[in-house]
Amino acid sequence: MPGFALNFYSPIVEAQLKSNRKTATIRLGDKSRKYQKGMIVSVLAGARFSPRQHVFDAVIDKVDVKTIAELSPNEIEHDNPEIRHTEELCRWLGQLYNREIHEGDTVTLIRFSAIAPSYGF
């Protein structure tokens, strides 16, 4: 079991993860010391301060630190397939972090790939 996790609290995000529509997460602040390319992490979903469901293990493919304004529509879409614009992303992150988010705020884009289970090779 990996020692690090990517936790997701929204039921919408859980569905996106299970359908492989979500292949990145955008986290507020610089998380490049915590998450690094090549790390294996558990991807978990469930309500904050409640039991979580293990969705899959994943490998981190890329970690980029930039401002929200520097994110491309493609990068945003990998985080949330329903969003493509920075203004929408600011509103979404504001709901998740329960505070106002601006395009100049620093975020960490973490791209990941699910690890398919192996069946006794």
PDB file of N, CA and C in Angstrom:
ATOM      1  N   MET A   1       0.853  -1.187   0.000  1.00  0.00           N
ATOM      2  CA  MET A   1       0.000   0.000   0.000  1.00  0.00           C
ATOM      3  C   MET A   1       0.894   1.243   0.000  1.00  0.00           C
ATOM      4  N   PRO A   2       0.667   2.172  -0.936  1.00  0.00           N
ATOM      5  CA  PRO A   2       1.479   3.393  -0.990  1.00  0.00           C
ATOM      6  C   PRO A   2       1.363   4.207   0.292  1.00  0.00           C
ATOM      7  N   GLY A   3       2.417   4.983   0.584  1.00  0.00           N
ATOM      8  CA  GLY A   3       2.444   5.791   1.791  1.00  0.00           C
ATOM      9  C   GLY A   3       1.793   7.155   1.633  1.00  0.00           C
ATOM     10  N   PHE A   4       1.530   7.585   0.408  1.00  0.00           N
ATOM     11  CA  PHE A   4       0.897   8.880   0.155  1.00  0.00           C
ATOM     12  C   PHE A   4      -0.439   8.660  -0.529  1.00  0.00           C
ATOM     13  N   ALA A   5      -1.321   9.645  -0.393  1.00  0.00           N
ATOM     14  CA  ALA A   5      -2.650   9.538  -0.994  1.00  0.00           C
ATOM     15  C   ALA A   5      -3.050  10.850  -1.645  1.00  0.00           C
ATOM     16  N   LEU A   6      -3.887  10.732  -2.646  1.00  0.00           N
ATOM     17  CA  LEU A   6      -4.621  11.861  -3.197  1.00  0.00           C
ATOM     18  C   LEU A   6      -6.057  11.651  -2.748  1.00  0.00           C
ATOM     19  N   ASN A   7      -6.549  12.525  -1.877  1.00  0.00           N
ATOM     20  CA  ASN A   7      -7.906  12.418  -1.342  1.00  0.00           C
ATOM     21  C   ASN A   7      -8.843  13.319  -2.123  1.00  0.00           C
ATOM     22  N   PHE A   8     -10.008  12.779  -2.476  1.00  0.00           N
ATOM     23  CA  PHE A   8     -11.042  13.540  -3.173  1.00  0.00           C
ATOM     24  C   PHE A   8     -12.324  13.442  -2.376  1.00  0.00           C
ATOM     25  N   TYR A   9     -12.969  14.598  -2.127  1.00  0.00           N
ATOM     26  CA  TYR A   9     -14.119  14.653  -1.243  1.00  0.00           C
ATOM     27  C   TYR A   9     -15.453  14.785  -1.961  1.00  0.00           C
ATOM     28  N   SER A  10     -15.458  15.200  -3.199  1.00  0.00           N
ATOM     29  CA  SER A  10     -16.693  15.450  -3.929  1.00  0.00           C
ATOM     30  C   SER A  10     -17.213  14.179  -4.601  1.00  0.00           C
ATOM     31  N   PRO A  11     -18.512  13.880  -4.477  1.00  0.00           N
ATOM     32  CA  PRO A  11     -19.088  12.720  -5.180  1.00  0.00           C
ATOM     33  C   PRO A  11     -18.966  12.842  -6.696  1.00  0.00           C
ATOM     34  N   ILE A  12     -18.980  14.071  -7.220  1.00  0.00           N
ATOM     35  CA  ILE A  12     -18.807  14.287  -8.657  1.00  0.00           C
ATOM     36  C   ILE A  12     -17.427  13.807  -9.090  1.00  0.00           C
ATOM     37  N   VAL A  13     -16.421  14.156  -8.301  1.00  0.00           N
ATOM     38  CA  VAL A  13     -15.042  13.775  -8.607  1.00  0.00           C
ATOM     39  C   VAL A  13     -14.881  12.257  -8.519  1.00  0.00           C
ATOM     40  N   GLU A  14     -15.510  11.650  -7.536  1.00  0.00           N
ATOM     41  CA  GLU A  14     -15.428  10.195  -7.394  1.00  0.00           C
ATOM     42  C   GLU A  14     -15.914   9.502  -8.667  1.00  0.00           C
ATOM     43  N   ALA A  15     -17.013   9.955  -9.224  1.00  0.00           N
ATOM     44  CA  ALA A  15     -17.538   9.376 -10.465  1.00  0.00           C
ATOM     45  C   ALA A  15     -16.569   9.594 -11.624  1.00  0.00           C
ATOM     46  N   GLN A  16     -15.947  10.775 -11.683  1.00  0.00           N
ATOM     47  CA  GLN A  16     -14.978  11.068 -12.747  1.00  0.00           C
ATOM     48  C   GLN A  16     -13.758  10.159 -12.630  1.00  0.00           C
ATOM     49  N   LEU A  17     -13.322   9.891 -11.414  1.00  0.00           N
ATOM     50  CA  LEU A  17     -12.181   9.001 -11.201  1.00  0.00           C
ATOM     51  C   LEU A  17     -12.511   7.578 -11.648  1.00  0.00           C
ATOM     52  N   LYS A  18     -13.666   7.094 -11.252  1.00  0.00           N
ATOM     53  CA  LYS A  18     -14.057   5.715 -11.567  1.00  0.00           C
ATOM     54  C   LYS A  18     -14.242   5.493 -13.058  1.00  0.00           C
ATOM     55  N   SER A  19     -14.614   6.549 -13.780  1.00  0.00           N
ATOM     56  CA  SER A  19     -14.804   6.433 -15.229  1.00  0.00           C
ATOM     57  C   SER A  19     -13.543   6.813 -16.013  1.00  0.00           C
ATOM     58  N   ASN A  20     -12.437   7.073 -15.313  1.00  0.00           N
ATOM     59  CA  ASN A  20     -11.161   7.472 -15.923  1.00  0.00           C
ATOM     60  C   ASN A  20     -11.254   8.777 -16.702  1.00  0.00           C
ATOM     61  N   ARG A  21     -12.215   9.650 -16.351  1.00  0.00           N
ATOM     62  CA  ARG A  21     -12.322  10.951 -16.992  1.00  0.00           C
ATOM     63  C   ARG A  21     -11.451  11.995 -16.301  1.00  0.00           C
ATOM     64  N   LYS A  22     -11.011  11.700 -15.091  1.00  0.00           N
ATOM     65  CA  LYS A  22     -10.169  12.617 -14.323  1.00  0.00           C
ATOM     66  C   LYS A  22      -8.767  12.027 -14.243  1.00  0.00           C
ATOM     67  N   THR A  23      -7.788  12.726 -14.812  1.00  0.00           N
ATOM     68  CA  THR A  23      -6.413  12.231 -14.854  1.00  0.00           C
ATOM     69  C   THR A  23      -5.422  13.228 -14.255  1.00  0.00           C
ATOM     70  N   ALA A  24      -5.961  14.214 -13.538  1.00  0.00           N
ATOM     71  CA  ALA A  24      -5.113  15.221 -12.893  1.00  0.00           C
ATOM     72  C   ALA A  24      -5.876  15.816 -11.720  1.00  0.00           C
ATOM     73  N   THR A  25      -5.124  16.449 -10.845  1.00  0.00           N
ATOM     74  CA  THR A  25      -5.743  17.229  -9.784  1.00  0.00           C
ATOM     75  C   THR A  25      -4.998  18.548  -9.680  1.00  0.00           C
ATOM     76  N   ILE A  26      -5.749  19.611  -9.456  1.00  0.00           N
ATOM     77  CA  ILE A  26      -5.165  20.936  -9.262  1.00  0.00           C
ATOM     78  C   ILE A  26      -5.356  21.272  -7.796  1.00  0.00           C
ATOM     79  N   ARG A  27      -4.230  21.424  -7.091  1.00  0.00           N
ATOM     80  CA  ARG A  27      -4.250  21.702  -5.655  1.00  0.00           C
ATOM     81  C   ARG A  27      -3.741  23.109  -5.405  1.00  0.00           C
ATOM     82  N   LEU A  28      -4.366  23.796  -4.488  1.00  0.00           N
ATOM     83  CA  LEU A  28      -3.976  25.161  -4.146  1.00  0.00           C
ATOM     84  C   LEU A  28      -2.617  25.152  -3.450  1.00  0.00           C
ATOM     85  N   GLY A  29      -1.731  26.052  -3.877  1.00  0.00           N
ATOM     86  CA  GLY A  29      -0.398  26.160  -3.285  1.00  0.00           C
ATOM     87  C   GLY A  29       0.621  25.282  -3.991  1.00  0.00           C
ATOM     88  N   ASP A  30       1.849  25.366  -3.510  1.00  0.00           N
ATOM     89  CA  ASP A  30       2.969  24.604  -4.074  1.00  0.00           C
ATOM     90  C   ASP A  30       3.087  23.280  -3.325  1.00  0.00           C
ATOM     91  N   LYS A  31       2.720  22.191  -3.976  1.00  0.00           N
ATOM     92  CA  LYS A  31       2.762  20.849  -3.377  1.00  0.00           C
ATOM     93  C   LYS A  31       3.890  20.011  -3.976  1.00  0.00           C
ATOM     94  N   SER A  32       4.857  20.671  -4.645  1.00  0.00           N
ATOM     95  CA  SER A  32       5.910  19.950  -5.352  1.00  0.00           C
ATOM     96  C   SER A  32       6.878  19.223  -4.427  1.00  0.00           C
ATOM     97  N   ARG A  33       6.933  19.596  -3.163  1.00  0.00           N
ATOM     98  CA  ARG A  33       7.797  18.868  -2.224  1.00  0.00           C
ATOM     99  C   ARG A  33       7.115  17.594  -1.739  1.00  0.00           C
ATOM    100  N   LYS A  34       5.783  17.609  -1.715  1.00  0.00           N
ATOM    101  CA  LYS A  34       5.022  16.459  -1.230  1.00  0.00           C
ATOM    102  C   LYS A  34       4.805  15.421  -2.321  1.00  0.00           C
ATOM    103  N   TYR A  35       4.451  15.864  -3.517  1.00  0.00           N
ATOM    104  CA  TYR A  35       4.159  14.971  -4.638  1.00  0.00           C
ATOM    105  C   TYR A  35       5.205  15.150  -5.722  1.00  0.00           C
ATOM    106  N   GLN A  36       5.816  14.050  -6.150  1.00  0.00           N
ATOM    107  CA  GLN A  36       6.877  14.113  -7.153  1.00  0.00           C
ATOM    108  C   GLN A  36       6.657  13.062  -8.227  1.00  0.00           C
ATOM    109  N   LYS A  37       7.146  13.358  -9.422  1.00  0.00           N
ATOM    110  CA  LYS A  37       7.037  12.453 -10.553  1.00  0.00           C
ATOM    111  C   LYS A  37       7.567  11.071 -10.163  1.00  0.00           C
ATOM    112  N   GLY A  38       6.813  10.030 -10.534  1.00  0.00           N
ATOM    113  CA  GLY A  38       7.229   8.656 -10.275  1.00  0.00           C
ATOM    114  C   GLY A  38       6.701   8.077  -8.975  1.00  0.00           C
ATOM    115  N   MET A  39       6.158   8.919  -8.083  1.00  0.00           N
ATOM    116  CA  MET A  39       5.603   8.418  -6.824  1.00  0.00           C
ATOM    117  C   MET A  39       4.377   7.554  -7.096  1.00  0.00           C
ATOM    118  N   ILE A  40       4.184   6.549  -6.253  1.00  0.00           N
ATOM    119  CA  ILE A  40       2.974   5.745  -6.274  1.00  0.00           C
ATOM    120  C   ILE A  40       2.091   6.241  -5.132  1.00  0.00           C
ATOM    121  N   VAL A  41       0.827   6.552  -5.439  1.00  0.00           N
ATOM    122  CA  VAL A  41      -0.110   7.075  -4.443  1.00  0.00           C
ATOM    123  C   VAL A  41      -1.410   6.277  -4.490  1.00  0.00           C
ATOM    124  N   SER A  42      -2.105   6.263  -3.367  1.00  0.00           N
ATOM    125  CA  SER A  42      -3.463   5.732  -3.331  1.00  0.00           C
ATOM    126  C   SER A  42      -4.413   6.860  -3.680  1.00  0.00           C
ATOM    127  N   VAL A  43      -5.357   6.603  -4.553  1.00  0.00           N
ATOM    128  CA  VAL A  43      -6.392   7.572  -4.881  1.00  0.00           C
ATOM    129  C   VAL A  43      -7.625   7.167  -4.075  1.00  0.00           C
ATOM    130  N   LEU A  44      -8.063   8.072  -3.191  1.00  0.00           N
ATOM    131  CA  LEU A  44      -9.138   7.785  -2.251  1.00  0.00           C
ATOM    132  C   LEU A  44     -10.281   8.773  -2.444  1.00  0.00           C
ATOM    133  N   ALA A  45     -11.503   8.305  -2.225  1.00  0.00           N
ATOM    134  CA  ALA A  45     -12.679   9.170  -2.343  1.00  0.00           C
ATOM    135  C   ALA A  45     -13.581   8.967  -1.138  1.00  0.00           C
ATOM    136  N   GLY A  46     -14.186  10.051  -0.694  1.00  0.00           N
ATOM    137  CA  GLY A  46     -15.118   9.989   0.421  1.00  0.00           C
ATOM    138  C   GLY A  46     -15.168  11.313   1.145  1.00  0.00           C
ATOM    139  N   ALA A  47     -16.160  11.452   1.981  1.00  0.00           N
ATOM    140  CA  ALA A  47     -16.370  12.712   2.710  1.00  0.00           C
ATOM    141  C   ALA A  47     -15.230  12.970   3.687  1.00  0.00           C
ATOM    142  N   ARG A  48     -14.924  14.245   3.872  1.00  0.00           N
ATOM    143  CA  ARG A  48     -13.897  14.668   4.822  1.00  0.00           C
ATOM    144  C   ARG A  48     -14.231  14.139   6.217  1.00  0.00           C
ATOM    145  N   PHE A  49     -13.238  13.655   6.930  1.00  0.00           N
ATOM    146  CA  PHE A  49     -13.373  13.130   8.298  1.00  0.00           C
ATOM    147  C   PHE A  49     -14.276  11.899   8.368  1.00  0.00           C
ATOM    148  N   SER A  50     -14.380  11.166   7.259  1.00  0.00           N
ATOM    149  CA  SER A  50     -15.193   9.954   7.197  1.00  0.00           C
ATOM    150  C   SER A  50     -14.376   8.858   6.530  1.00  0.00           C
ATOM    151  N   PRO A  51     -14.857   7.622   6.603  1.00  0.00           N
ATOM    152  CA  PRO A  51     -14.149   6.545   5.899  1.00  0.00           C
ATOM    153  C   PRO A  51     -14.058   6.847   4.406  1.00  0.00           C
ATOM    154  N   ARG A  52     -12.954   6.459   3.807  1.00  0.00           N
ATOM    155  CA  ARG A  52     -12.723   6.697   2.379  1.00  0.00           C
ATOM    156  C   ARG A  52     -12.706   5.369   1.636  1.00  0.00           C
ATOM    157  N   GLN A  53     -13.050   5.442   0.370  1.00  0.00           N
ATOM    158  CA  GLN A  53     -13.004   4.271  -0.498  1.00  0.00           C
ATOM    159  C   GLN A  53     -11.730   4.343  -1.338  1.00  0.00           C
ATOM    160  N   HIS A  54     -11.011   3.234  -1.409  1.00  0.00           N
ATOM    161  CA  HIS A  54      -9.833   3.152  -2.271  1.00  0.00           C
ATOM    162  C   HIS A  54     -10.329   2.975  -3.700  1.00  0.00           C
ATOM    163  N   VAL A  55     -10.044   3.947  -4.572  1.00  0.00           N
ATOM    164  CA  VAL A  55     -10.504   3.892  -5.955  1.00  0.00           C
ATOM    165  C   VAL A  55      -9.487   3.133  -6.803  1.00  0.00           C
ATOM    166  N   PHE A  56      -8.219   3.522  -6.704  1.00  0.00           N
ATOM    167  CA  PHE A  56      -7.131   2.817  -7.385  1.00  0.00           C
ATOM    168  C   PHE A  56      -5.803   3.370  -6.889  1.00  0.00           C
ATOM    169  N   ASP A  57      -4.734   2.660  -7.181  1.00  0.00           N
ATOM    170  CA  ASP A  57      -3.393   3.193  -6.987  1.00  0.00           C
ATOM    171  C   ASP A  57      -2.989   3.855  -8.300  1.00  0.00           C
ATOM    172  N   ALA A  58      -2.129   4.859  -8.203  1.00  0.00           N
ATOM    173  CA  ALA A  58      -1.723   5.604  -9.392  1.00  0.00           C
ATOM    174  C   ALA A  58      -0.255   5.976  -9.294  1.00  0.00           C
ATOM    175  N   VAL A  59       0.332   6.239 -10.447  1.00  0.00           N
ATOM    176  CA  VAL A  59       1.686   6.773 -10.513  1.00  0.00           C
ATOM    177  C   VAL A  59       1.565   8.238 -10.920  1.00  0.00           C
ATOM    178  N   ILE A  60       2.351   9.085 -10.276  1.00  0.00           N
ATOM    179  CA  ILE A  60       2.354  10.505 -10.632  1.00  0.00           C
ATOM    180  C   ILE A  60       3.260  10.685 -11.844  1.00  0.00           C
ATOM    181  N   ASP A  61       2.666  11.213 -12.916  1.00  0.00           N
ATOM    182  CA  ASP A  61       3.376  11.385 -14.189  1.00  0.00           C
ATOM    183  C   ASP A  61       4.075  12.731 -14.295  1.00  0.00           C
ATOM    184  N   LYS A  62       3.500  13.759 -13.665  1.00  0.00           N
ATOM    185  CA  LYS A  62       4.034  15.108 -13.838  1.00  0.00           C
ATOM    186  C   LYS A  62       3.524  15.989 -12.709  1.00  0.00           C
ATOM    187  N   VAL A  63       4.370  16.895 -12.244  1.00  0.00           N
ATOM    188  CA  VAL A  63       3.993  17.870 -11.219  1.00  0.00           C
ATOM    189  C   VAL A  63       4.464  19.237 -11.700  1.00  0.00           C
ATOM    190  N   ASP A  64       3.518  20.159 -11.886  1.00  0.00           N
ATOM    191  CA  ASP A  64       3.844  21.517 -12.338  1.00  0.00           C
ATOM    192  C   ASP A  64       3.262  22.524 -11.362  1.00  0.00           C
ATOM    193  N   VAL A  65       4.061  23.519 -10.994  1.00  0.00           N
ATOM    194  CA  VAL A  65       3.596  24.612 -10.149  1.00  0.00           C
ATOM    195  C   VAL A  65       3.484  25.855 -11.030  1.00  0.00           C
ATOM    196  N   LYS A  66       2.301  26.477 -11.007  1.00  0.00           N
ATOM    197  CA  LYS A  66       2.061  27.674 -11.814  1.00  0.00           C
ATOM    198  C   LYS A  66       0.883  28.431 -11.236  1.00  0.00           C
ATOM    199  N   THR A  67       0.579  29.572 -11.804  1.00  0.00           N
ATOM    200  CA  THR A  67      -0.619  30.287 -11.373  1.00  0.00           C
ATOM    201  C   THR A  67      -1.815  29.725 -12.138  1.00  0.00           C
ATOM    202  N   ILE A  68      -2.998  29.989 -11.617  1.00  0.00           N
ATOM    203  CA  ILE A  68      -4.203  29.545 -12.310  1.00  0.00           C
ATOM    204  C   ILE A  68      -4.265  30.143 -13.710  1.00  0.00           C
ATOM    205  N   ALA A  69      -3.860  31.400 -13.849  1.00  0.00           N
ATOM    206  CA  ALA A  69      -3.881  32.066 -15.153  1.00  0.00           C
ATOM    207  C   ALA A  69      -2.982  31.371 -16.179  1.00  0.00           C
ATOM    208  N   GLU A  70      -1.958  30.672 -15.727  1.00  0.00           N
ATOM    209  CA  GLU A  70      -1.024  29.990 -16.634  1.00  0.00           C
ATOM    210  C   GLU A  70      -1.514  28.613 -17.081  1.00  0.00           C
ATOM    211  N   LEU A  71      -2.582  28.111 -16.489  1.00  0.00           N
ATOM    212  CA  LEU A  71      -3.098  26.788 -16.853  1.00  0.00           C
ATOM    213  C   LEU A  71      -3.773  26.840 -18.220  1.00  0.00           C
ATOM    214  N   SER A  72      -3.538  25.823 -19.025  1.00  0.00           N
ATOM    215  CA  SER A  72      -4.201  25.739 -20.326  1.00  0.00           C
ATOM    216  C   SER A  72      -5.592  25.122 -20.154  1.00  0.00           C
ATOM    217  N   PRO A  73      -6.495  25.353 -21.115  1.00  0.00           N
ATOM    218  CA  PRO A  73      -7.811  24.700 -21.047  1.00  0.00           C
ATOM    219  C   PRO A  73      -7.690  23.172 -20.969  1.00  0.00           C
ATOM    220  N   ASN A  74      -6.709  22.603 -21.654  1.00  0.00           N
ATOM    221  CA  ASN A  74      -6.485  21.166 -21.625  1.00  0.00           C
ATOM    222  C   ASN A  74      -6.099  20.694 -20.222  1.00  0.00           C
ATOM    223  N   GLU A  75      -5.211  21.430 -19.552  1.00  0.00           N
ATOM    224  CA  GLU A  75      -4.802  21.074 -18.191  1.00  0.00           C
ATOM    225  C   GLU A  75      -5.988  21.138 -17.231  1.00  0.00           C
ATOM    226  N   ILE A  76      -6.800  22.166 -17.390  1.00  0.00           N
ATOM    227  CA  ILE A  76      -7.981  22.320 -16.535  1.00  0.00           C
ATOM    228  C   ILE A  76      -8.948  21.165 -16.766  1.00  0.00           C
ATOM    229  N   GLU A  77      -9.137  20.797 -18.025  1.00  0.00           N
ATOM    230  CA  GLU A  77     -10.068  19.719 -18.372  1.00  0.00           C
ATOM    231  C   GLU A  77      -9.628  18.375 -17.806  1.00  0.00           C
ATOM    232  N   HIS A  78      -8.317  18.135 -17.697  1.00  0.00           N
ATOM    233  CA  HIS A  78      -7.825  16.885 -17.099  1.00  0.00           C
ATOM    234  C   HIS A  78      -8.184  16.815 -15.612  1.00  0.00           C
ATOM    235  N   ASP A  79      -8.293  17.977 -14.973  1.00  0.00           N
ATOM    236  CA  ASP A  79      -8.709  18.019 -13.570  1.00  0.00           C
ATOM    237  C   ASP A  79     -10.218  17.838 -13.449  1.00  0.00           C
ATOM    238  N   ASN A  80     -10.968  18.566 -14.261  1.00  0.00           N
ATOM    239  CA  ASN A  80     -12.419  18.489 -14.214  1.00  0.00           C
ATOM    240  C   ASN A  80     -12.945  18.585 -15.642  1.00  0.00           C
ATOM    241  N   PRO A  81     -13.424  17.470 -16.211  1.00  0.00           N
ATOM    242  CA  PRO A  81     -13.873  17.467 -17.607  1.00  0.00           C
ATOM    243  C   PRO A  81     -15.020  18.435 -17.903  1.00  0.00           C
ATOM    244  N   GLU A  82     -15.661  18.950 -16.866  1.00  0.00           N
ATOM    245  CA  GLU A  82     -16.775  19.875 -17.053  1.00  0.00           C
ATOM    246  C   GLU A  82     -16.308  21.332 -17.128  1.00  0.00           C
ATOM    247  N   ILE A  83     -15.039  21.588 -16.888  1.00  0.00           N
ATOM    248  CA  ILE A  83     -14.513  22.958 -16.814  1.00  0.00           C
ATOM    249  C   ILE A  83     -13.365  23.120 -17.817  1.00  0.00           C
ATOM    250  N   ARG A  84     -13.321  24.307 -18.472  1.00  0.00           N
ATOM    251  CA  ARG A  84     -12.220  24.573 -19.397  1.00  0.00           C
ATOM    252  C   ARG A  84     -11.603  25.960 -19.203  1.00  0.00           C
ATOM    253  N   HIS A  85     -12.253  26.829 -18.429  1.00  0.00           N
ATOM    254  CA  HIS A  85     -11.800  28.215 -18.304  1.00  0.00           C
ATOM    255  C   HIS A  85     -11.359  28.517 -16.874  1.00  0.00           C
ATOM    256  N   THR A  86     -10.394  29.437 -16.767  1.00  0.00           N
ATOM    257  CA  THR A  86      -9.830  29.755 -15.457  1.00  0.00           C
ATOM    258  C   THR A  86     -10.860  30.352 -14.505  1.00  0.00           C
ATOM    259  N   GLU A  87     -11.814  31.140 -15.025  1.00  0.00           N
ATOM    260  CA  GLU A  87     -12.826  31.731 -14.149  1.00  0.00           C
ATOM    261  C   GLU A  87     -13.673  30.634 -13.493  1.00  0.00           C
ATOM    262  N   GLU A  88     -14.042  29.627 -14.302  1.00  0.00           N
ATOM    263  CA  GLU A  88     -14.820  28.494 -13.775  1.00  0.00           C
ATOM    264  C   GLU A  88     -14.004  27.710 -12.757  1.00  0.00           C
ATOM    265  N   LEU A  89     -12.716  27.542 -13.044  1.00  0.00           N
ATOM    266  CA  LEU A  89     -11.836  26.823 -12.128  1.00  0.00           C
ATOM    267  C   LEU A  89     -11.737  27.560 -10.795  1.00  0.00           C
ATOM    268  N   CYS A  90     -11.635  28.868 -10.832  1.00  0.00           N
ATOM    269  CA  CYS A  90     -11.565  29.655  -9.592  1.00  0.00           C
ATOM    270  C   CYS A  90     -12.823  29.440  -8.749  1.00  0.00           C
ATOM    271  N   ARG A  91     -13.983  29.431  -9.400  1.00  0.00           N
ATOM    272  CA  ARG A  91     -15.237  29.196  -8.666  1.00  0.00           C
ATOM    273  C   ARG A  91     -15.252  27.787  -8.058  1.00  0.00           C
ATOM    274  N   TRP A  92     -14.851  26.776  -8.851  1.00  0.00           N
ATOM    275  CA  TRP A  92     -14.824  25.387  -8.396  1.00  0.00           C
ATOM    276  C   TRP A  92     -13.867  25.219  -7.211  1.00  0.00           C
ATOM    277  N   LEU A  93     -12.647  25.745  -7.344  1.00  0.00           N
ATOM    278  CA  LEU A  93     -11.684  25.632  -6.249  1.00  0.00           C
ATOM    279  C   LEU A  93     -12.157  26.405  -5.024  1.00  0.00           C
ATOM    280  N   GLY A  94     -12.816  27.540  -5.248  1.00  0.00           N
ATOM    281  CA  GLY A  94     -13.363  28.313  -4.138  1.00  0.00           C
ATOM    282  C   GLY A  94     -14.367  27.511  -3.324  1.00  0.00           C
ATOM    283  N   GLN A  95     -15.188  26.729  -4.008  1.00  0.00           N
ATOM    284  CA  GLN A  95     -16.147  25.856  -3.314  1.00  0.00           C
ATOM    285  C   GLN A  95     -15.418  24.762  -2.532  1.00  0.00           C
ATOM    286  N   LEU A  96     -14.383  24.190  -3.136  1.00  0.00           N
ATOM    287  CA  LEU A  96     -13.646  23.104  -2.486  1.00  0.00           C
ATOM    288  C   LEU A  96     -12.861  23.596  -1.274  1.00  0.00           C
ATOM    289  N   TYR A  97     -12.233  24.765  -1.400  1.00  0.00           N
ATOM    290  CA  TYR A  97     -11.385  25.297  -0.331  1.00  0.00           C
ATOM    291  C   TYR A  97     -12.135  26.256   0.595  1.00  0.00           C
ATOM    292  N   ASN A  98     -13.378  26.549   0.248  1.00  0.00           N
ATOM    293  CA  ASN A  98     -14.223  27.403   1.080  1.00  0.00           C
ATOM    294  C   ASN A  98     -13.624  28.801   1.288  1.00  0.00           C
ATOM    295  N   ARG A  99     -13.069  29.346   0.202  1.00  0.00           N
ATOM    296  CA  ARG A  99     -12.551  30.711   0.230  1.00  0.00           C
ATOM    297  C   ARG A  99     -12.454  31.233  -1.193  1.00  0.00           C
ATOM    298  N   GLU A 100     -12.238  32.532  -1.327  1.00  0.00           N
ATOM    299  CA  GLU A 100     -12.140  33.133  -2.649  1.00  0.00           C
ATOM    300  C   GLU A 100     -10.797  32.781  -3.296  1.00  0.00           C
ATOM    301  N   ILE A 101     -10.849  32.366  -4.555  1.00  0.00           N
ATOM    302  CA  ILE A 101      -9.656  31.976  -5.318  1.00  0.00           C
ATOM    303  C   ILE A 101      -9.529  32.920  -6.513  1.00  0.00           C
ATOM    304  N   HIS A 102      -8.289  33.329  -6.827  1.00  0.00           N
ATOM    305  CA  HIS A 102      -8.029  34.270  -7.915  1.00  0.00           C
ATOM    306  C   HIS A 102      -7.083  33.646  -8.943  1.00  0.00           C
ATOM    307  N   GLU A 103      -7.117  34.194 -10.152  1.00  0.00           N
ATOM    308  CA  GLU A 103      -6.272  33.672 -11.235  1.00  0.00           C
ATOM    309  C   GLU A 103      -4.786  33.810 -10.951  1.00  0.00           C
ATOM    310  N   GLY A 104      -4.397  34.708 -10.064  1.00  0.00           N
ATOM    311  CA  GLY A 104      -2.989  34.871  -9.704  1.00  0.00           C
ATOM    312  C   GLY A 104      -2.521  33.907  -8.625  1.00  0.00           C
ATOM    313  N   ASP A 105      -3.438  33.120  -8.050  1.00  0.00           N
ATOM    314  CA  ASP A 105      -3.060  32.172  -6.996  1.00  0.00           C
ATOM    315  C   ASP A 105      -2.208  31.042  -7.559  1.00  0.00           C
ATOM    316  N   THR A 106      -1.246  30.611  -6.769  1.00  0.00           N
ATOM    317  CA  THR A 106      -0.373  29.499  -7.147  1.00  0.00           C
ATOM    318  C   THR A 106      -1.090  28.178  -6.908  1.00  0.00           C
ATOM    319  N   VAL A 107      -0.974  27.276  -7.891  1.00  0.00           N
ATOM    320  CA  VAL A 107      -1.545  25.941  -7.783  1.00  0.00           C
ATOM    321  C   VAL A 107      -0.513  24.916  -8.233  1.00  0.00           C
ATOM    322  N   THR A 108      -0.753  23.670  -7.854  1.00  0.00           N
ATOM    323  CA  THR A 108       0.069  22.563  -8.322  1.00  0.00           C
ATOM    324  C   THR A 108      -0.810  21.648  -9.159  1.00  0.00           C
ATOM    325  N   LEU A 109      -0.393  21.425 -10.400  1.00  0.00           N
ATOM    326  CA  LEU A 109      -1.071  20.504 -11.296  1.00  0.00           C
ATOM    327  C   LEU A 109      -0.374  19.151 -11.169  1.00  0.00           C
ATOM    328  N   ILE A 110      -1.110  18.158 -10.722  1.00  0.00           N
ATOM    329  CA  ILE A 110      -0.557  16.813 -10.539  1.00  0.00           C
ATOM    330  C   ILE A 110      -1.253  15.898 -11.536  1.00  0.00           C
ATOM    331  N   ARG A 111      -0.498  15.426 -12.544  1.00  0.00           N
ATOM    332  CA  ARG A 111      -1.027  14.470 -13.525  1.00  0.00           C
ATOM    333  C   ARG A 111      -0.725  13.070 -13.022  1.00  0.00           C
ATOM    334  N   PHE A 112      -1.682  12.157 -13.140  1.00  0.00           N
ATOM    335  CA  PHE A 112      -1.496  10.796 -12.652  1.00  0.00           C
ATOM    336  C   PHE A 112      -2.145   9.790 -13.592  1.00  0.00           C
ATOM    337  N   SER A 113      -1.662   8.546 -13.515  1.00  0.00           N
ATOM    338  CA  SER A 113      -2.209   7.438 -14.293  1.00  0.00           C
ATOM    339  C   SER A 113      -2.532   6.296 -13.349  1.00  0.00           C
ATOM    340  N   ALA A 114      -3.728   5.750 -13.503  1.00  0.00           N
ATOM    341  CA  ALA A 114      -4.125   4.597 -12.683  1.00  0.00           C
ATOM    342  C   ALA A 114      -3.224   3.421 -13.001  1.00  0.00           C
ATOM    343  N   ILE A 115      -2.933   2.635 -11.973  1.00  0.00           N
ATOM    344  CA  ILE A 115      -2.162   1.402 -12.132  1.00  0.00           C
ATOM    345  C   ILE A 115      -3.171   0.266 -12.237  1.00  0.00           C
ATOM    346  N   ALA A 116      -3.168  -0.423 -13.373  1.00  0.00           N
ATOM    347  CA  ALA A 116      -4.091  -1.535 -13.559  1.00  0.00           C
ATOM    348  C   ALA A 116      -3.682  -2.698 -12.654  1.00  0.00           C
ATOM    349  N   PRO A 117      -4.669  -3.358 -12.046  1.00  0.00           N
ATOM    350  CA  PRO A 117      -4.317  -4.495 -11.190  1.00  0.00           C
ATOM    351  C   PRO A 117      -3.696  -5.639 -11.991  1.00  0.00           C
ATOM    352  N   SER A 118      -2.734  -6.309 -11.406  1.00  0.00           N
ATOM    353  CA  SER A 118      -2.145  -7.479 -12.063  1.00  0.00           C
ATOM    354  C   SER A 118      -2.774  -8.724 -11.453  1.00  0.00           C
ATOM    355  N   TYR A 119      -2.928  -9.712 -12.251  1.00  0.00           N
ATOM    356  CA  TYR A 119      -3.619 -10.920 -11.810  1.00  0.00           C
ATOM    357  C   TYR A 119      -2.682 -12.124 -11.836  1.00  0.00           C
ATOM    358  N   GLY A 120      -1.696 -12.103 -10.923  1.00  0.00           N
ATOM    359  CA  GLY A 120      -0.833 -13.252 -10.680  1.00  0.00           C
ATOM    360  C   GLY A 120       0.073 -13.676 -11.813  1.00  0.00           C
ATOM    361  N   PHE A 121       0.855 -12.758 -12.318  1.00  0.00           N
ATOM    362  CA  PHE A 121       1.835 -13.135 -13.352  1.00  0.00           C
ATOM    363  C   PHE A 121       3.061 -13.719 -12.736  1.00  0.00           C
TER     364      PHE A 121
END
